[in-house]
Amino acid sequence: MNEKSKIAIIGGGSWATAIAKIVLTNADEINWYMRRQEQIDEFLRFSKNPSYLTGVKFDTDRIHFTNDINKLVRTSEILIFATPSPFLKQHLKKLRRKLDNKFILTAIKGIVPDENMIVSDYFEQFYNVPKDNIAVLAGPCHAEEVALERLSYLTIGCTSREKARMVAQRFNTSFIRTSISDDILGIEYSSVMKNIYSVAAGICHGLKYGDNFQAVLISNAIQEMNRFSNATNPMHRDINESAYLGDLLVTAYSKFSRNRLFGSMIGKGYSVKTAQIEMEMIAEGYYATKCIHELNEKYQVSMPIVDSMFEILYNRCSPLMEIRKLTEKLK
C-alpha cells in the first residue's frame, strides 16, 4: 500500500456514501461496488445516491461503479467495507479473487453472524489477510453529519502504525480529523457494543425514563464495555477516548441513531419484527446483542445491560419488566 493506492468502497448505504464523500476530497477517483445495477444507473443519472444522503452531489466522472465484486477487487489495492454486518457474507459469496494481497479497511460496526466474529478476525481467518493489512475505522461519525460537513473525528485502528498513518492521511479533510490506534480489537468490539447500549437507551426513552436515568445507564454501559474489552484483549487503553466513549455517546443520544430509534420503538410496544420492517434500515444492535451475549458465555464478564437486551430482543421478555429489573443492578 502507498499514497497512490487505488481505493474501493463496498456498499451502497448512507455510511458507504459518507465515506465516498470523505475519500473523494483527497483522491482523484475511486472504485465503488454496489450490488444492484439499478442503484448504480440512478446514481449516474442524478449524480447522487438515489436512496441515501440524497443531498450530497458527486462528480460521477471520478467514480468507477461496478456490481461485479471480482472486477472491483482486481482493480483496487485498498478495499473499504461499509455494508451492514449481516450482509457481508452475501456480498463476498461471489468473490473468486484472493484478498491476501489487499489492504482491508472495515467500516462495519457489527459482528459477522453465525461465526460470531468481529470483521477483522473474519478476514484474517477466512481470507488469509495478514493482521498488518487490516484496519478498523471507528469513532463518533454519523453519516448524516459528514454529509453536512460538520466536524467529525475518526480513529484508524491497525497493528501497523505506519499503515494506520497512511490511511489517516487519506481521510483527513477540513471536516474530518483523524487519529490512530493499535487497539484494533478493543475499538472493534466497542463499535459493536455501543449499538447494543444505544438500543437500550432507545428502549428506556420509549418507556419514558428521563435524562437522569439515561446518564446512569450510559455510565454503566461504558464500564461494561471496558470490562469486556479487557477480558477479550487485555492491554492499556483509555476507554474515555472518542473511539470508545465518544462513539457510545453519539449513538445513544443522537437523533440520527437508527439503533436508538429501533430501541425506542420496542419501548413503545412494537415487536422486533414490526420495528425492523417500519425502519427499513438495519439496526446493528439487534444482531450484536445475540453475538456478544453468546461470546460472553466464554468470558463470563458481568454485563447486565447486554443480558437485559438479550431477554427483551430474543426471549420476548417485557421491556417494562426487564428494564425495571435492570434498574436494581445499576449504580
Protein backbone atom coordinates (compact mmCIF):
# COMPACT_ATOMS: atom_id res chain seq x y z
CA MET A 1 0.00 0.00 0.00
CA ASN A 2 1.21 3.51 -0.84
CA GLU A 3 -0.20 7.03 -1.08
CA LYS A 4 -1.45 6.41 -4.63
CA SER A 5 -3.08 3.03 -3.99
CA LYS A 6 -6.49 2.78 -5.64
CA ILE A 7 -9.34 2.88 -3.12
CA ALA A 8 -12.56 0.90 -3.50
CA ILE A 9 -15.76 1.12 -1.46
CA ILE A 10 -18.06 -1.84 -0.97
CA GLY A 11 -21.61 -0.88 -0.01
CA GLY A 12 -24.41 1.37 -1.16
CA GLY A 13 -25.85 2.73 2.09
CA SER A 14 -25.52 6.00 3.96
CA TRP A 15 -22.19 5.16 5.65
CA ALA A 16 -20.63 3.99 2.38
CA THR A 17 -21.85 7.21 0.73
CA ALA A 18 -20.39 9.34 3.53
CA ILE A 19 -17.05 7.54 3.23
CA ALA A 20 -17.04 8.13 -0.53
CA LYS A 21 -17.55 11.85 0.12
CA ILE A 22 -14.60 11.88 2.54
CA VAL A 23 -12.23 9.88 0.31
CA LEU A 24 -13.03 11.89 -2.82
CA THR A 25 -11.92 15.05 -1.02
CA ASN A 26 -8.33 13.82 -1.35
CA ALA A 27 -8.44 11.14 -4.08
CA ASP A 28 -8.77 11.85 -7.80
CA GLU A 29 -11.02 8.83 -8.29
CA ILE A 30 -12.43 5.77 -6.56
CA ASN A 31 -13.93 2.41 -7.43
CA TRP A 32 -17.35 1.73 -5.92
CA TYR A 33 -19.22 -1.56 -5.69
CA MET A 34 -23.00 -1.64 -5.33
CA ARG A 35 -24.94 -4.88 -5.56
CA ARG A 36 -27.89 -3.53 -7.58
CA GLN A 37 -27.28 -2.21 -11.10
CA GLU A 38 -30.44 -0.09 -10.93
CA GLN A 39 -28.98 1.83 -7.97
CA ILE A 40 -25.83 2.49 -10.00
CA ASP A 41 -27.88 3.62 -13.02
CA GLU A 42 -29.90 6.08 -10.92
CA PHE A 43 -26.74 7.34 -9.21
CA LEU A 44 -25.19 8.10 -12.60
CA ARG A 45 -28.39 9.75 -13.83
CA PHE A 46 -28.81 12.10 -10.86
CA SER A 47 -25.17 12.38 -9.62
CA LYS A 48 -26.25 11.29 -6.15
CA ASN A 49 -27.19 8.16 -4.26
CA PRO A 50 -30.91 7.71 -5.02
CA SER A 51 -31.63 6.14 -1.63
CA TYR A 52 -29.22 7.61 0.95
CA LEU A 53 -27.82 11.07 1.76
CA THR A 54 -29.60 12.42 -1.31
CA GLY A 55 -28.39 15.95 -0.60
CA VAL A 56 -24.78 15.02 -1.43
CA LYS A 57 -23.84 15.59 -5.08
CA PHE A 58 -20.94 13.67 -6.63
CA ASP A 59 -18.77 14.16 -9.68
CA THR A 60 -19.52 10.75 -11.18
CA ASP A 61 -16.69 11.14 -13.71
CA ARG A 62 -14.39 10.41 -10.76
CA ILE A 63 -16.27 7.25 -9.72
CA HIS A 64 -15.94 3.87 -11.41
CA PHE A 65 -19.09 1.97 -10.44
CA THR A 66 -19.49 -1.77 -10.75
CA ASN A 67 -21.77 -4.53 -9.48
CA ASP A 68 -19.00 -7.08 -10.15
CA ILE A 69 -17.07 -7.56 -6.91
CA ASN A 70 -14.31 -9.53 -8.66
CA LYS A 71 -13.65 -6.67 -11.09
CA LEU A 72 -13.56 -4.25 -8.17
CA VAL A 73 -11.03 -6.33 -6.22
CA ARG A 74 -8.85 -6.86 -9.30
CA THR A 75 -8.55 -3.10 -9.96
CA SER A 76 -8.14 -1.90 -6.35
CA GLU A 77 -5.50 -2.08 -3.62
CA ILE A 78 -7.43 -0.68 -0.62
CA LEU A 79 -10.88 -2.17 -0.01
CA ILE A 80 -13.23 -0.28 2.34
CA PHE A 81 -16.10 -2.46 3.52
CA ALA A 82 -19.12 -0.40 4.60
CA THR A 83 -22.02 -2.85 4.45
CA PRO A 84 -24.29 -3.94 7.32
CA SER A 85 -22.60 -6.89 9.02
CA PRO A 86 -25.50 -9.35 8.35
CA PHE A 87 -24.96 -8.83 4.59
CA LEU A 88 -21.15 -9.12 4.49
CA LYS A 89 -21.04 -12.83 3.63
CA GLN A 90 -23.73 -12.30 0.98
CA HIS A 91 -21.51 -9.75 -0.78
CA LEU A 92 -18.44 -11.98 -0.51
CA LYS A 93 -20.24 -15.09 -1.76
CA LYS A 94 -19.46 -14.22 -5.40
CA LEU A 95 -15.83 -13.36 -4.70
CA ARG A 96 -13.37 -15.56 -6.59
CA ARG A 97 -10.23 -13.46 -6.19
CA LYS A 98 -7.82 -13.63 -3.27
CA LEU A 99 -7.69 -10.86 -0.70
CA ASP A 100 -4.39 -11.73 0.98
CA ASN A 101 -2.50 -9.08 -1.02
CA LYS A 102 -5.09 -6.34 -0.43
CA PHE A 103 -5.40 -3.81 2.38
CA ILE A 104 -8.77 -4.19 4.11
CA LEU A 105 -10.37 -1.27 5.94
CA THR A 106 -13.52 -2.31 7.73
CA ALA A 107 -16.04 0.43 8.49
CA ILE A 108 -18.58 -2.20 9.61
CA LYS A 109 -19.64 -1.63 13.20
CA GLY A 110 -21.05 -5.08 13.69
CA ILE A 111 -20.25 -8.76 14.14
CA VAL A 112 -20.42 -11.43 11.43
CA PRO A 113 -23.44 -13.58 12.42
CA ASP A 114 -23.15 -17.36 12.75
CA GLU A 115 -19.37 -17.17 13.22
CA ASN A 116 -19.80 -14.57 16.00
CA MET A 117 -16.60 -12.90 14.81
CA ILE A 118 -15.57 -9.29 14.53
CA VAL A 119 -14.94 -8.40 10.91
CA SER A 120 -11.15 -8.08 11.18
CA ASP A 121 -10.89 -11.62 12.59
CA TYR A 122 -13.22 -12.87 9.85
CA PHE A 123 -10.99 -11.53 7.07
CA GLU A 124 -7.88 -12.87 8.75
CA GLN A 125 -9.23 -16.39 9.33
CA PHE A 126 -11.39 -16.94 6.25
CA TYR A 127 -9.49 -14.90 3.63
CA ASN A 128 -5.91 -15.14 4.99
CA VAL A 129 -5.44 -11.37 5.11
CA PRO A 130 -2.38 -10.57 7.29
CA LYS A 131 -3.07 -8.62 10.51
CA ASP A 132 -0.94 -5.71 9.29
CA ASN A 133 -3.16 -5.43 6.21
CA ILE A 134 -6.39 -4.98 8.18
CA ALA A 135 -7.57 -1.73 9.73
CA VAL A 136 -10.74 -0.62 11.51
CA LEU A 137 -12.48 2.71 11.05
CA ALA A 138 -14.13 3.88 14.28
CA GLY A 139 -15.32 6.93 16.18
CA PRO A 140 -18.40 9.13 16.59
CA CYS A 141 -19.21 9.85 12.97
CA HIS A 142 -22.83 9.80 11.82
CA ALA A 143 -23.12 9.72 8.03
CA GLU A 144 -25.72 12.49 8.06
CA GLU A 145 -23.32 14.93 9.74
CA VAL A 146 -20.50 14.00 7.37
CA ALA A 147 -22.88 14.86 4.52
CA LEU A 148 -23.35 18.30 6.09
CA GLU A 149 -19.55 18.62 6.56
CA ARG A 150 -19.91 19.04 10.30
CA LEU A 151 -16.60 18.47 12.07
CA SER A 152 -16.16 14.79 12.98
CA TYR A 153 -13.36 12.65 14.41
CA LEU A 154 -12.29 9.22 13.19
CA THR A 155 -9.84 6.69 14.64
CA ILE A 156 -7.99 4.21 12.43
CA GLY A 157 -7.00 1.07 14.30
CA CYS A 158 -4.25 -1.12 12.83
CA THR A 159 -1.38 -3.23 14.15
CA SER A 160 0.90 -1.37 11.72
CA ARG A 161 1.19 2.24 12.84
CA GLU A 162 2.79 3.19 9.52
CA LYS A 163 -0.18 1.88 7.54
CA ALA A 164 -2.62 3.43 10.02
CA ARG A 165 -0.98 6.82 9.44
CA MET A 166 -1.17 6.37 5.68
CA VAL A 167 -4.91 5.62 5.87
CA ALA A 168 -5.43 8.52 8.29
CA GLN A 169 -3.87 10.91 5.76
CA ARG A 170 -6.33 9.74 3.11
CA PHE A 171 -9.23 10.57 5.46
CA ASN A 172 -8.00 13.92 6.77
CA THR A 173 -10.16 16.76 5.41
CA SER A 174 -11.41 20.16 6.53
CA PHE A 175 -14.33 18.41 8.27
CA ILE A 176 -12.66 15.15 9.37
CA ARG A 177 -9.92 14.85 11.99
CA THR A 178 -8.11 11.53 12.34
CA SER A 179 -6.05 9.71 14.94
CA ILE A 180 -4.53 6.22 15.01
CA SER A 181 -4.53 3.34 17.48
CA ASP A 182 -3.11 -0.17 17.76
CA ASP A 183 -6.08 -1.40 19.83
CA ILE A 184 -7.86 -2.89 16.84
CA LEU A 185 -9.82 -5.49 18.83
CA GLY A 186 -10.88 -3.09 21.59
CA ILE A 187 -12.02 -0.48 19.08
CA GLU A 188 -13.92 -3.03 17.02
CA TYR A 189 -15.68 -4.66 19.98
CA SER A 190 -16.56 -1.21 21.35
CA SER A 191 -18.02 -0.23 17.96
CA VAL A 192 -20.21 -3.33 18.16
CA MET A 193 -21.29 -2.95 21.78
CA LYS A 194 -22.20 0.72 21.59
CA ASN A 195 -25.03 -0.28 19.26
CA ILE A 196 -26.45 -2.59 21.96
CA TYR A 197 -26.34 0.20 24.52
CA SER A 198 -27.96 2.56 22.06
CA VAL A 199 -30.87 0.13 21.68
CA ALA A 200 -31.09 0.05 25.48
CA ALA A 201 -31.16 3.85 25.61
CA GLY A 202 -33.90 3.87 23.00
CA ILE A 203 -35.99 1.32 24.91
CA CYS A 204 -35.68 3.41 28.08
CA HIS A 205 -36.67 6.51 26.12
CA GLY A 206 -39.71 4.66 24.75
CA LEU A 207 -40.63 3.66 28.31
CA LYS A 208 -40.37 7.36 29.29
CA TYR A 209 -37.34 7.12 31.55
CA GLY A 210 -35.73 10.55 31.83
CA ASP A 211 -32.31 12.09 31.28
CA ASN A 212 -31.18 11.32 34.83
CA PHE A 213 -31.65 7.60 34.34
CA GLN A 214 -30.16 7.70 30.82
CA ALA A 215 -26.97 9.18 32.29
CA VAL A 216 -26.73 6.31 34.78
CA LEU A 217 -27.44 3.77 32.03
CA ILE A 218 -24.65 5.09 29.78
CA SER A 219 -22.12 5.42 32.63
CA ASN A 220 -22.78 1.75 33.44
CA ALA A 221 -22.58 0.87 29.74
CA ILE A 222 -19.07 2.28 29.36
CA GLN A 223 -17.99 0.22 32.38
CA GLU A 224 -19.45 -2.93 30.78
CA MET A 225 -17.66 -2.09 27.55
CA ASN A 226 -14.38 -1.66 29.41
CA ARG A 227 -14.75 -4.96 31.29
CA PHE A 228 -15.45 -6.87 28.09
CA SER A 229 -12.61 -5.18 26.19
CA ASN A 230 -10.16 -6.01 28.97
CA ALA A 231 -11.32 -9.64 29.01
CA THR A 232 -11.04 -10.13 25.23
CA ASN A 233 -7.91 -8.04 24.64
CA PRO A 234 -6.08 -7.05 27.84
CA MET A 235 -3.93 -4.02 27.12
CA HIS A 236 -3.65 -0.40 28.19
CA ARG A 237 -6.46 1.71 26.72
CA ASP A 238 -8.23 4.89 27.71
CA ILE A 239 -11.91 3.97 27.49
CA ASN A 240 -12.78 7.68 27.64
CA GLU A 241 -11.28 8.35 24.19
CA SER A 242 -13.60 9.23 21.34
CA ALA A 243 -13.29 5.81 19.64
CA TYR A 244 -14.90 4.24 22.72
CA LEU A 245 -16.88 6.67 24.89
CA GLY A 246 -17.42 9.24 22.14
CA ASP A 247 -18.91 6.70 19.76
CA LEU A 248 -21.12 5.34 22.54
CA LEU A 249 -22.45 8.79 23.45
CA VAL A 250 -23.33 9.86 19.91
CA THR A 251 -25.02 6.54 19.15
CA ALA A 252 -27.01 6.53 22.38
CA TYR A 253 -28.18 10.14 22.20
CA SER A 254 -28.25 11.31 18.57
CA LYS A 255 -31.43 11.81 16.56
CA PHE A 256 -29.57 10.17 13.66
CA SER A 257 -29.05 6.91 15.58
CA ARG A 258 -31.02 4.08 13.98
CA ASN A 259 -30.24 1.83 16.97
CA ARG A 260 -31.75 4.33 19.39
CA LEU A 261 -34.79 4.67 17.10
CA PHE A 262 -35.17 0.88 16.94
CA GLY A 263 -34.99 0.65 20.75
CA SER A 264 -37.46 3.49 21.21
CA MET A 265 -39.98 1.64 19.05
CA ILE A 266 -39.50 -1.52 21.13
CA GLY A 267 -40.02 0.51 24.30
CA LYS A 268 -43.25 1.93 22.88
CA GLY A 269 -44.63 -1.55 22.28
CA TYR A 270 -43.54 -2.51 18.76
CA SER A 271 -42.46 -6.10 18.20
CA VAL A 272 -38.92 -6.64 16.94
CA LYS A 273 -40.17 -7.66 13.51
CA THR A 274 -42.56 -4.72 13.18
CA ALA A 275 -39.88 -2.24 14.22
CA GLN A 276 -37.43 -3.70 11.68
CA ILE A 277 -39.99 -3.52 8.87
CA GLU A 278 -41.04 0.04 9.66
CA MET A 279 -37.46 1.33 9.94
CA GLU A 280 -36.39 -0.03 6.54
CA MET A 281 -32.80 0.15 7.84
CA ILE A 282 -30.52 -2.24 9.69
CA ALA A 283 -30.18 -1.74 13.45
CA GLU A 284 -26.83 -3.43 14.09
CA GLY A 285 -27.53 -3.53 17.83
CA TYR A 286 -30.16 -6.23 17.36
CA TYR A 287 -27.67 -8.68 15.82
CA ALA A 288 -24.84 -7.55 18.10
CA THR A 289 -26.87 -8.38 21.21
CA LYS A 290 -27.07 -12.09 20.38
CA CYS A 291 -23.44 -12.29 19.26
CA ILE A 292 -21.96 -10.55 22.32
CA HIS A 293 -24.27 -12.47 24.67
CA GLU A 294 -23.07 -15.77 23.19
CA LEU A 295 -19.41 -14.69 23.15
CA ASN A 296 -19.69 -13.75 26.81
CA GLU A 297 -20.58 -17.34 27.69
CA LYS A 298 -16.85 -17.91 27.28
CA TYR A 299 -15.60 -14.82 29.13
CA GLN A 300 -18.28 -14.58 31.86
CA VAL A 301 -17.96 -10.80 32.18
CA SER A 302 -20.62 -9.02 34.25
CA MET A 303 -22.81 -7.38 31.55
CA PRO A 304 -26.30 -6.79 32.98
CA ILE A 305 -27.33 -4.34 30.21
CA VAL A 306 -26.39 -6.78 27.43
CA ASP A 307 -28.19 -9.57 29.32
CA SER A 308 -31.33 -7.45 29.62
CA MET A 309 -31.28 -6.60 25.91
CA PHE A 310 -30.97 -10.29 25.06
CA GLU A 311 -34.00 -11.10 27.23
CA ILE A 312 -36.07 -8.37 25.55
CA LEU A 313 -34.98 -8.87 21.93
CA TYR A 314 -34.60 -12.66 21.77
CA ASN A 315 -36.61 -14.14 24.66
CA ARG A 316 -39.50 -11.70 24.17
CA CYS A 317 -39.48 -10.57 27.78
CA SER A 318 -41.49 -7.48 28.64
CA PRO A 319 -39.34 -4.33 28.15
CA LEU A 320 -41.14 -2.72 31.08
CA MET A 321 -40.41 -5.59 33.46
CA GLU A 322 -36.88 -6.26 32.21
CA ILE A 323 -35.76 -2.62 32.49
CA ARG A 324 -37.35 -2.43 35.94
CA LYS A 325 -35.15 -5.40 36.98
CA LEU A 326 -32.12 -3.76 35.33
CA THR A 327 -32.59 -0.58 37.40
CA GLU A 328 -31.82 -2.62 40.53
CA LYS A 329 -28.44 -3.68 39.10
CA LEU A 330 -27.14 -0.25 38.03
CA LYS A 331 -25.16 2.14 40.20
